[in-house]
Protein backbone atom coordinates (compact mmCIF):
# COMPACT_ATOMS: atom_id res chain seq x y z
CA MET A 1 26.68 -1.19 -19.39
CA VAL A 2 23.95 -3.04 -18.04
CA ALA A 3 21.31 -2.16 -15.24
CA VAL A 4 18.92 -4.85 -14.01
CA THR A 5 16.14 -4.44 -11.87
CA VAL A 6 18.00 -1.13 -10.68
CA LEU A 7 14.98 2.03 -11.97
CA CYS A 8 11.97 -0.49 -9.87
CA PHE A 9 14.06 1.16 -6.68
CA VAL A 10 15.60 4.41 -7.92
CA CYS A 11 12.85 7.61 -7.02
CA ASP A 12 14.73 9.03 -9.84
CA ALA A 13 14.38 6.57 -12.74
CA GLU A 14 14.96 9.13 -16.05
CA ARG A 15 17.68 11.18 -13.65
CA ALA A 16 19.65 7.52 -13.88
CA VAL A 17 18.96 7.06 -17.34
CA ALA A 18 19.73 9.88 -18.74
CA GLU A 19 23.47 9.45 -16.18
CA MET A 20 23.98 5.91 -17.65
CA ALA A 21 23.23 7.67 -20.81
CA ARG A 22 26.10 10.00 -20.09
CA VAL A 23 28.92 7.92 -19.33
CA LEU A 24 28.37 5.90 -22.48
CA ARG A 25 31.51 6.57 -25.32
CA PRO A 26 29.25 7.31 -28.43
CA SER A 27 28.42 4.51 -29.63
CA GLY A 28 27.59 2.45 -26.33
CA ARG A 29 24.53 0.36 -25.45
CA LEU A 30 22.77 0.25 -23.37
CA VAL A 31 20.82 -2.72 -21.13
CA ILE A 32 17.60 -1.86 -18.98
CA GLY A 33 16.07 -5.77 -17.54
CA GLU A 34 13.90 -4.86 -15.20
CA LEU A 35 10.61 -6.05 -14.07
CA GLY A 36 6.86 -6.08 -16.30
CA TYR A 37 4.27 -3.57 -14.77
CA TRP A 38 1.76 -6.07 -16.86
CA SER A 39 2.43 -9.63 -15.19
CA LEU A 40 0.88 -11.51 -13.04
CA TRP A 41 4.99 -11.73 -11.39
CA ALA A 42 5.20 -7.31 -10.81
CA ALA A 43 0.92 -7.94 -9.35
CA HIS A 44 2.60 -10.60 -6.99
CA CYS A 45 5.42 -8.93 -5.55
CA ARG A 46 2.44 -5.21 -5.51
CA ILE A 47 0.28 -7.93 -3.48
CA ARG A 48 3.55 -8.66 -1.48
CA GLY A 49 4.47 -5.29 -0.72
CA TRP A 50 0.83 -3.84 -0.04
CA LEU A 51 1.01 -7.70 2.51
CA GLY A 52 4.30 -5.35 4.40
CA ASN A 53 6.81 -6.43 2.32
CA PRO A 54 9.26 -2.84 2.52
CA THR A 55 11.58 -3.67 -0.50
CA TRP A 56 8.45 -4.46 -2.86
CA ARG A 57 6.42 -1.42 -0.78
CA ALA A 58 8.79 1.11 -2.17
CA ALA A 59 8.92 -0.70 -6.11
CA VAL A 60 7.86 0.77 -9.48
CA PHE A 61 7.16 -1.58 -12.16
CA ARG A 62 7.39 -0.03 -15.63
CA THR A 63 5.63 -1.14 -18.74
CA ALA A 64 7.73 -1.52 -22.11
CA LYS A 65 6.43 1.75 -23.21
CA GLU A 66 7.69 3.67 -20.00
CA LEU A 67 11.20 1.83 -20.52
CA ARG A 68 11.48 2.77 -24.35
CA ASP A 69 10.64 6.62 -23.27
CA LEU A 70 13.61 6.42 -20.98
CA ALA A 71 15.81 5.55 -23.16
CA GLN A 72 14.79 8.59 -25.72
CA ALA A 73 14.70 11.18 -23.44
CA ALA A 74 18.20 10.51 -22.12
CA GLY A 75 19.19 11.45 -25.65
CA LEU A 76 20.17 7.53 -26.94
CA ARG A 77 18.91 5.25 -29.71
CA GLY A 78 17.37 2.56 -31.78
CA ALA A 79 15.70 1.16 -28.40
CA GLU A 80 14.72 -2.00 -28.93
CA ILE A 81 12.54 -4.09 -26.30
CA ARG A 82 11.82 -8.19 -25.67
CA GLY A 83 10.38 -9.73 -23.33
CA ALA A 84 10.73 -13.26 -21.24
CA VAL A 85 8.38 -15.44 -18.74
CA HIS A 86 5.31 -14.97 -19.76
CA TYR A 87 3.70 -17.40 -17.32
CA PRO A 88 2.67 -16.89 -13.36
CA PRO A 89 5.32 -17.66 -11.06
CA CYS A 90 3.94 -21.06 -10.73
CA GLY A 91 5.98 -24.20 -11.30
CA VAL A 92 3.71 -26.43 -13.85
CA ALA A 93 3.11 -23.26 -15.92
CA ALA A 94 6.87 -22.69 -15.85
CA ARG A 95 7.53 -26.00 -17.67
CA LEU A 96 4.26 -25.51 -19.85
CA LEU A 97 4.93 -21.86 -21.08
CA ALA A 98 8.85 -22.44 -20.88
CA PRO A 99 9.77 -24.02 -24.79
CA ILE A 100 7.85 -21.68 -26.58
CA ASP A 101 8.84 -18.55 -24.24
CA LEU A 102 11.79 -16.98 -26.71
CA TRP A 103 8.89 -17.59 -29.17
CA ILE A 104 6.50 -14.71 -27.16
CA GLY A 105 9.22 -12.89 -25.84
CA GLN A 106 9.94 -12.02 -29.62
CA GLN A 107 5.93 -11.60 -30.57
CA ALA A 108 4.64 -8.99 -27.39
CA THR A 109 6.28 -7.88 -24.48
CA PHE A 110 2.77 -7.75 -23.01
CA GLY A 111 2.77 -9.85 -19.74
CA ALA A 112 6.10 -10.52 -20.01
CA ALA A 113 7.50 -11.39 -16.43
CA PHE A 114 10.79 -9.23 -17.54
CA LEU A 115 11.18 -7.14 -20.05
CA ALA A 116 14.50 -5.90 -21.52
CA VAL A 117 15.30 -2.46 -23.21
CA SER A 118 18.77 -2.18 -25.80
CA ALA A 119 19.38 1.57 -26.57
CA THR A 120 22.98 2.89 -27.82
CA LYS A 121 24.39 6.10 -27.45
CA PRO A 122 24.38 8.08 -30.29
CA ILE A 123 27.96 9.31 -32.14
CA GLN A 124 28.31 13.58 -31.77
CA ALA A 125 28.73 15.65 -34.56
CA ALA A 126 31.67 17.35 -35.05
CA GLY A 127 31.27 20.83 -32.47
CA GLU A 128 28.27 19.39 -30.22
CA GLU A 129 27.94 18.76 -26.40
CA ASN A 130 27.54 16.21 -24.44
CA HIS A 131 23.34 16.45 -22.12
């Protein structure tokens, strides 16, 4: 299951991730992609919200740790996080940094415009209930 830039617009992200995890088949994988809290892209969107843009006014951006915690709270395991787009919303910077962006994303998530968390629903032991 894939959810891209959904949680930032959901009032109860914990409940939403729990429901996604609930409907996953055992050993199924959930991938969540969100704008990273500490990115210049998210800052740009927050400023647009403060200036009156209704879409971005309602958005809540999360850190890599917060996204991992949401997956773990939903009972998912093996949460891996990657970051992408470690440059400001500027064409020149994008052209200069894009060639090394994959490498940066493998090293760190801080400053990443886009965060992706991937986690798996465990296979239940006999007699366990779904939560």
